[in-house]
Amino acid sequence: MSGAPTLALIALLIALALWVVLARGMFAAVAGFIAYGLLLTLAWVGLSAVDVAMTEAAIGGGLTGALLIGAASRLRGAGYGEVGARRGPLTRVLAVAVSVGVTAVLVVCLNWLPEPQPTLVPDVAANLDATGVGNPITGVLLAFRAMDTLLEAIVLLFALIGVWSLTPDAAWGQRPDVAHDVDPDGVLAYVARVLPPIGVVIAIYILWVGADAPGGKFQGATVLAAMWLLAMMAGLARAPLIGRASLRAWLVAGPLVFVAIGVYGVWRAGAFLAYPDGFAKPLIVVIEIALMPSLAITLALLLAGAPRDTGGRHE
């Protein structure tokens, strides 16, 4: 991507960033943030960083945007809908100034990078064959920096525990309430019937090709989580009881398999998360398959939020 399209994309990104900061309404700001994330996805595609683009679309524009919509809805329902209107000019000027300041610091840091710029690309390229995978991103995430990936999966679990900790005592063990008042013959119900089977196939495909092409368990899990949420929002599926033992088993299964393979590496390769010669790719695929359902459930329940107080009625 170069020339006029690049300049147009940069101009749109700056305009949307200003819109997010200056918009008076919460929903208008959230809509701008989601559009900003989607445009940022195009920017990553233009830089040939397809894996990063997929993550940005799933997390930056998708999951985070949905979380912000839910937060804005609950704030409005709690009587805080006028929060945006109370923000004064000083707050907006400070927000713009901080954003510009952070951007300026990043630009200065980039200009101070030594020449040639430090990079681990040659080392990754030289050792990628030992992992057996063709996608360097997968090689980095599940071989060279596997500990980081394991900790990220565990952090997501802690985030979910944090969300559940907000559950009122009277609602503990119940289901998150994500169902909307939907017309059974309406558009949302129709889409929720048609889209999930397609989404499941796409998620499995993204997982399967992730070893050798852009994709992987996180992107696949995001698609699965979105399909499950769609069905729940349309009233076609119910959120699980958060006290159910099988749910908690699914949540920890992926990280536990990851840890078990790490311990196996101590025994067979001399280090935690080291892979024995010739077994790197099979073990990476096992980790990806084990993590995807755990991540999908975690992401969906993070978005579903904590169960609400239903007056002490347990289902």
Protein backbone atom coordinates (compact mmCIF):
# COMPACT_ATOMS: atom_id res chain seq x y z
CA MET A 1 0.00 0.00 0.00
CA SER A 2 1.52 3.33 -1.00
CA GLY A 3 0.75 6.78 -2.38
CA ALA A 4 -2.75 8.24 -2.20
CA PRO A 5 -4.42 5.19 -0.55
CA THR A 6 -1.87 5.29 2.27
CA LEU A 7 -2.34 9.02 2.82
CA ALA A 8 -6.13 8.59 2.78
CA LEU A 9 -5.91 5.78 5.33
CA ILE A 10 -3.66 7.84 7.61
CA ALA A 11 -6.03 10.80 7.36
CA LEU A 12 -9.01 8.60 8.22
CA LEU A 13 -7.19 7.07 11.18
CA ILE A 14 -6.31 10.50 12.58
CA ALA A 15 -9.85 11.77 12.01
CA LEU A 16 -11.38 8.75 13.73
CA ALA A 17 -8.96 9.03 16.64
CA LEU A 18 -10.03 12.65 17.13
CA TRP A 19 -13.67 11.62 16.84
CA VAL A 20 -13.25 9.03 19.60
CA VAL A 21 -11.73 11.63 21.91
CA LEU A 22 -14.08 14.50 21.09
CA ALA A 23 -17.41 12.72 20.58
CA ARG A 24 -20.02 13.83 23.10
CA GLY A 25 -21.96 10.57 23.25
CA MET A 26 -20.59 7.29 24.59
CA PHE A 27 -22.07 5.20 21.78
CA ALA A 28 -20.75 7.60 19.14
CA ALA A 29 -17.26 7.32 20.65
CA VAL A 30 -17.49 3.51 20.79
CA ALA A 31 -18.66 3.37 17.17
CA GLY A 32 -15.68 5.52 16.20
CA PHE A 33 -13.36 3.24 18.17
CA ILE A 34 -14.63 0.13 16.36
CA ALA A 35 -14.25 1.80 12.97
CA TYR A 36 -10.76 2.90 14.01
CA GLY A 37 -9.85 -0.71 14.83
CA LEU A 38 -11.11 -1.95 11.48
CA LEU A 39 -9.16 0.72 9.60
CA LEU A 40 -6.09 -0.18 11.64
CA THR A 41 -6.59 -3.73 10.41
CA LEU A 42 -6.25 -2.45 6.84
CA ALA A 43 -3.07 -0.66 7.83
CA TRP A 44 -1.56 -3.90 9.18
CA VAL A 45 -2.57 -5.72 6.00
CA GLY A 46 -0.83 -2.99 4.02
CA LEU A 47 2.31 -3.68 6.06
CA SER A 48 1.99 -7.43 5.22
CA ALA A 49 1.39 -8.25 8.89
CA VAL A 50 -1.66 -10.44 8.30
CA ASP A 51 -1.52 -12.19 11.70
CA VAL A 52 -1.44 -8.84 13.48
CA ALA A 53 -4.27 -7.60 11.26
CA MET A 54 -6.45 -10.59 12.17
CA THR A 55 -5.75 -10.06 15.86
CA GLU A 56 -6.52 -6.34 15.59
CA ALA A 57 -9.82 -7.04 13.83
CA ALA A 58 -10.78 -9.71 16.38
CA ILE A 59 -9.60 -8.03 19.57
CA GLY A 60 -9.18 -4.32 18.83
CA GLY A 61 -12.23 -3.73 16.69
CA GLY A 62 -14.34 -6.73 17.66
CA LEU A 63 -14.04 -7.91 21.24
CA THR A 64 -12.97 -4.60 22.76
CA GLY A 65 -15.65 -2.75 20.82
CA ALA A 66 -18.30 -5.18 22.03
CA LEU A 67 -17.05 -4.80 25.61
CA LEU A 68 -17.30 -1.02 25.31
CA ILE A 69 -20.82 -1.25 23.89
CA GLY A 70 -21.83 -3.43 26.83
CA ALA A 71 -20.23 -1.03 29.29
CA ALA A 72 -21.95 1.95 27.67
CA SER A 73 -25.30 0.15 27.78
CA ARG A 74 -24.93 -0.66 31.46
CA LEU A 75 -23.81 2.88 32.28
CA ARG A 76 -26.85 4.25 30.48
CA GLY A 77 -29.09 1.78 32.27
CA ALA A 78 -27.59 2.83 35.58
CA GLY A 79 -28.34 6.48 34.91
CA TYR A 80 -24.90 7.56 33.76
CA GLY A 81 -25.90 8.24 30.19
CA GLU A 82 -25.07 11.89 30.58
CA VAL A 83 -21.43 11.23 31.45
CA GLY A 84 -20.27 12.21 27.98
CA ALA A 85 -22.19 15.49 28.12
CA ARG A 86 -20.47 16.46 31.39
CA ARG A 87 -16.98 16.24 29.95
CA GLY A 88 -15.71 19.77 29.75
CA PRO A 89 -13.41 21.36 27.16
CA LEU A 90 -10.44 21.01 29.54
CA THR A 91 -10.89 17.22 29.70
CA ARG A 92 -11.03 16.98 25.93
CA VAL A 93 -7.99 19.21 25.45
CA LEU A 94 -6.04 17.13 27.98
CA ALA A 95 -7.04 13.91 26.22
CA VAL A 96 -5.89 15.26 22.86
CA ALA A 97 -2.67 16.62 24.39
CA VAL A 98 -1.82 13.30 26.03
CA SER A 99 -2.52 11.42 22.80
CA VAL A 100 -0.34 13.78 20.78
CA GLY A 101 2.39 13.61 23.44
CA VAL A 102 2.47 9.80 23.45
CA THR A 103 2.58 9.80 19.64
CA ALA A 104 5.45 12.30 19.63
CA VAL A 105 7.44 10.20 22.13
CA LEU A 106 6.94 7.10 19.97
CA VAL A 107 8.09 8.97 16.85
CA VAL A 108 11.21 10.22 18.67
CA CYS A 109 11.98 6.71 19.94
CA LEU A 110 11.65 5.29 16.42
CA ASN A 111 14.00 7.94 15.06
CA TRP A 112 16.56 7.05 17.72
CA LEU A 113 16.74 3.41 16.74
CA PRO A 114 20.27 2.47 15.67
CA GLU A 115 21.14 1.56 12.09
CA PRO A 116 20.82 -1.21 11.18
CA GLN A 117 17.73 -1.53 13.35
CA PRO A 118 17.84 -4.39 15.87
CA THR A 119 15.85 -7.40 14.72
CA LEU A 120 15.53 -11.07 15.55
CA VAL A 121 14.19 -11.93 12.10
CA PRO A 122 17.43 -13.61 10.90
CA ASP A 123 17.57 -15.75 14.06
CA VAL A 124 13.91 -16.78 13.68
CA ALA A 125 14.41 -17.60 10.00
CA ALA A 126 17.53 -19.62 10.76
CA ASN A 127 15.83 -21.74 13.44
CA LEU A 128 12.27 -21.96 12.11
CA ASP A 129 12.90 -25.27 10.36
CA ALA A 130 13.64 -26.87 13.73
CA THR A 131 10.04 -26.18 14.82
CA GLY A 132 8.54 -27.83 11.74
CA VAL A 133 6.03 -25.00 11.23
CA GLY A 134 5.98 -22.72 8.21
CA ASN A 135 4.39 -19.66 9.82
CA PRO A 136 7.09 -17.65 11.64
CA ILE A 137 4.44 -16.04 13.89
CA THR A 138 3.36 -19.47 15.12
CA GLY A 139 7.00 -20.43 15.56
CA VAL A 140 7.65 -17.37 17.72
CA LEU A 141 4.45 -17.67 19.77
CA LEU A 142 4.61 -21.41 20.45
CA ALA A 143 8.30 -22.24 20.28
CA PHE A 144 10.67 -19.32 20.81
CA ARG A 145 8.33 -17.33 23.13
CA ALA A 146 5.99 -20.10 24.26
CA MET A 147 6.17 -18.98 27.89
CA ASP A 148 4.65 -15.61 26.91
CA THR A 149 1.79 -17.35 25.14
CA LEU A 150 1.14 -19.60 28.13
CA LEU A 151 1.06 -16.63 30.48
CA GLU A 152 -1.32 -14.75 28.17
CA ALA A 153 -3.76 -17.68 28.29
CA ILE A 154 -3.52 -17.72 32.08
CA VAL A 155 -3.99 -13.94 32.28
CA LEU A 156 -7.26 -14.28 30.35
CA LEU A 157 -8.46 -16.78 32.95
CA PHE A 158 -7.58 -14.34 35.71
CA ALA A 159 -9.48 -11.63 33.84
CA LEU A 160 -12.56 -13.85 33.75
CA ILE A 161 -12.19 -14.54 37.47
CA GLY A 162 -12.05 -10.79 37.98
CA VAL A 163 -15.29 -10.32 36.01
CA TRP A 164 -17.02 -13.10 37.94
CA SER A 165 -15.86 -11.56 41.22
CA LEU A 166 -18.27 -8.69 40.48
CA THR A 167 -21.21 -11.09 40.70
CA PRO A 168 -23.63 -10.21 43.52
CA ASP A 169 -23.78 -12.88 46.22
CA ALA A 170 -27.41 -13.62 45.40
CA ALA A 171 -26.52 -14.34 41.76
CA TRP A 172 -23.40 -16.45 42.32
CA GLY A 173 -23.46 -19.65 40.30
CA GLN A 174 -26.14 -18.40 37.90
CA ARG A 175 -25.90 -17.59 34.20
CA PRO A 176 -24.71 -14.31 32.66
CA ASP A 177 -27.63 -12.51 31.07
CA VAL A 178 -26.80 -11.81 27.43
CA ALA A 179 -30.12 -12.61 25.76
CA HIS A 180 -31.88 -9.71 24.08
CA ASP A 181 -35.56 -9.24 23.41
CA VAL A 182 -35.41 -10.61 19.89
CA ASP A 183 -38.10 -11.15 17.30
CA PRO A 184 -37.95 -14.90 16.48
CA ASP A 185 -38.48 -14.00 12.83
CA GLY A 186 -36.21 -10.97 12.88
CA VAL A 187 -32.82 -10.35 11.32
CA LEU A 188 -30.76 -11.16 14.43
CA ALA A 189 -32.49 -14.50 14.96
CA TYR A 190 -32.06 -15.35 11.28
CA VAL A 191 -28.37 -14.44 11.27
CA ALA A 192 -27.85 -16.38 14.51
CA ARG A 193 -29.26 -19.49 12.84
CA VAL A 194 -27.30 -19.17 9.59
CA LEU A 195 -23.92 -17.78 10.61
CA PRO A 196 -22.67 -20.09 13.43
CA PRO A 197 -22.16 -23.23 11.28
CA ILE A 198 -20.17 -21.17 8.79
CA GLY A 199 -18.22 -19.55 11.62
CA VAL A 200 -17.33 -22.92 13.15
CA VAL A 201 -15.95 -24.16 9.82
CA ILE A 202 -13.94 -20.94 9.38
CA ALA A 203 -12.58 -21.18 12.93
CA ILE A 204 -11.43 -24.77 12.42
CA TYR A 205 -9.84 -23.82 9.10
CA ILE A 206 -8.03 -20.84 10.67
CA LEU A 207 -6.76 -23.12 13.42
CA TRP A 208 -5.61 -25.83 11.04
CA VAL A 209 -3.70 -23.55 8.64
CA GLY A 210 -2.17 -21.53 11.48
CA ALA A 211 0.91 -23.72 11.59
CA ASP A 212 1.95 -22.76 8.08
CA ALA A 213 -0.10 -19.65 7.22
CA PRO A 214 -1.64 -16.64 8.98
CA GLY A 215 -4.13 -17.80 11.59
CA GLY A 216 -4.06 -20.00 14.66
CA LYS A 217 -5.89 -20.81 17.85
CA PHE A 218 -6.46 -17.24 19.04
CA GLN A 219 -8.07 -16.02 15.85
CA GLY A 220 -10.11 -19.22 15.60
CA ALA A 221 -11.19 -18.91 19.24
CA THR A 222 -12.34 -15.34 18.63
CA VAL A 223 -14.54 -16.48 15.75
CA LEU A 224 -16.01 -19.29 17.86
CA ALA A 225 -16.65 -16.90 20.75
CA ALA A 226 -18.43 -14.48 18.41
CA MET A 227 -20.67 -17.25 17.02
CA TRP A 228 -21.57 -18.48 20.52
CA LEU A 229 -22.36 -14.95 21.67
CA LEU A 230 -24.50 -14.38 18.61
CA ALA A 231 -26.56 -17.46 19.40
CA MET A 232 -26.89 -16.42 23.06
CA MET A 233 -27.89 -12.85 22.20
CA ALA A 234 -30.56 -14.14 19.83
CA GLY A 235 -31.93 -16.42 22.54
CA LEU A 236 -31.02 -19.61 20.65
CA ALA A 237 -28.57 -20.77 23.31
CA ARG A 238 -28.26 -20.09 27.02
CA ALA A 239 -25.14 -18.93 28.79
CA PRO A 240 -23.74 -21.64 31.07
CA LEU A 241 -24.03 -21.64 34.84
CA ILE A 242 -20.73 -20.24 36.06
CA GLY A 243 -20.72 -22.69 38.95
CA ARG A 244 -20.84 -25.73 36.66
CA ALA A 245 -17.81 -28.01 37.09
CA SER A 246 -17.70 -28.99 33.40
CA LEU A 247 -17.49 -25.32 32.39
CA ARG A 248 -14.54 -24.75 34.67
CA ALA A 249 -12.88 -27.91 33.34
CA TRP A 250 -13.14 -26.57 29.78
CA LEU A 251 -11.73 -23.22 30.88
CA VAL A 252 -8.56 -24.71 32.37
CA ALA A 253 -8.12 -27.64 29.97
CA GLY A 254 -6.13 -25.69 27.38
CA PRO A 255 -3.65 -24.07 29.79
CA LEU A 256 -3.24 -27.38 31.64
CA VAL A 257 -2.35 -29.21 28.40
CA PHE A 258 0.10 -26.39 27.65
CA VAL A 259 1.72 -26.78 31.08
CA ALA A 260 1.80 -30.57 30.74
CA ILE A 261 3.66 -30.31 27.43
CA GLY A 262 6.03 -27.84 29.08
CA VAL A 263 6.78 -30.36 31.83
CA TYR A 264 7.20 -33.06 29.17
CA GLY A 265 9.87 -30.80 27.67
CA VAL A 266 11.75 -30.79 30.98
CA TRP A 267 11.84 -34.58 30.88
CA ARG A 268 12.64 -35.14 27.21
CA ALA A 269 14.45 -31.94 26.10
CA GLY A 270 15.96 -30.54 29.29
CA ALA A 271 13.91 -27.34 29.63
CA PHE A 272 10.34 -26.24 30.31
CA LEU A 273 8.44 -25.85 27.01
CA ALA A 274 11.39 -27.20 25.02
CA TYR A 275 10.37 -29.69 22.36
CA PRO A 276 12.20 -32.96 21.65
CA ASP A 277 13.73 -33.23 18.19
CA GLY A 278 11.14 -34.16 15.60
CA PHE A 279 8.16 -33.55 17.93
CA ALA A 280 7.95 -29.76 17.84
CA LYS A 281 5.19 -29.42 15.24
CA PRO A 282 2.95 -32.23 16.60
CA LEU A 283 3.19 -30.77 20.10
CA ILE A 284 2.52 -27.24 18.83
CA VAL A 285 -0.59 -28.49 17.01
CA VAL A 286 -1.76 -30.27 20.18
CA ILE A 287 -1.35 -27.04 22.15
CA GLU A 288 -3.28 -25.07 19.54
CA ILE A 289 -6.14 -27.59 19.46
CA ALA A 290 -6.32 -27.70 23.27
CA LEU A 291 -6.20 -23.95 23.72
CA MET A 292 -8.80 -22.93 21.14
CA PRO A 293 -11.95 -24.11 23.00
CA SER A 294 -10.65 -22.78 26.32
CA LEU A 295 -9.89 -19.40 24.77
CA ALA A 296 -13.24 -19.30 22.96
CA ILE A 297 -15.18 -19.97 26.18
CA THR A 298 -13.07 -17.48 28.13
CA LEU A 299 -13.51 -14.71 25.56
CA ALA A 300 -17.26 -15.30 25.24
CA LEU A 301 -17.80 -15.28 29.01
CA LEU A 302 -15.64 -12.20 29.41
CA LEU A 303 -17.98 -10.41 27.06
CA ALA A 304 -21.09 -11.92 28.65
CA GLY A 305 -20.06 -10.41 31.97
CA ALA A 306 -21.05 -11.37 35.47
CA PRO A 307 -24.44 -12.86 36.33
CA ARG A 308 -26.88 -10.27 37.57
CA ASP A 309 -28.91 -10.39 40.73
CA THR A 310 -32.26 -12.02 39.98
CA GLY A 311 -33.64 -11.64 43.46
CA GLY A 312 -32.00 -14.75 44.87
CA ARG A 313 -33.66 -17.06 42.33
CA HIS A 314 -31.25 -19.83 41.26
CA GLU A 315 -31.77 -21.86 38.11
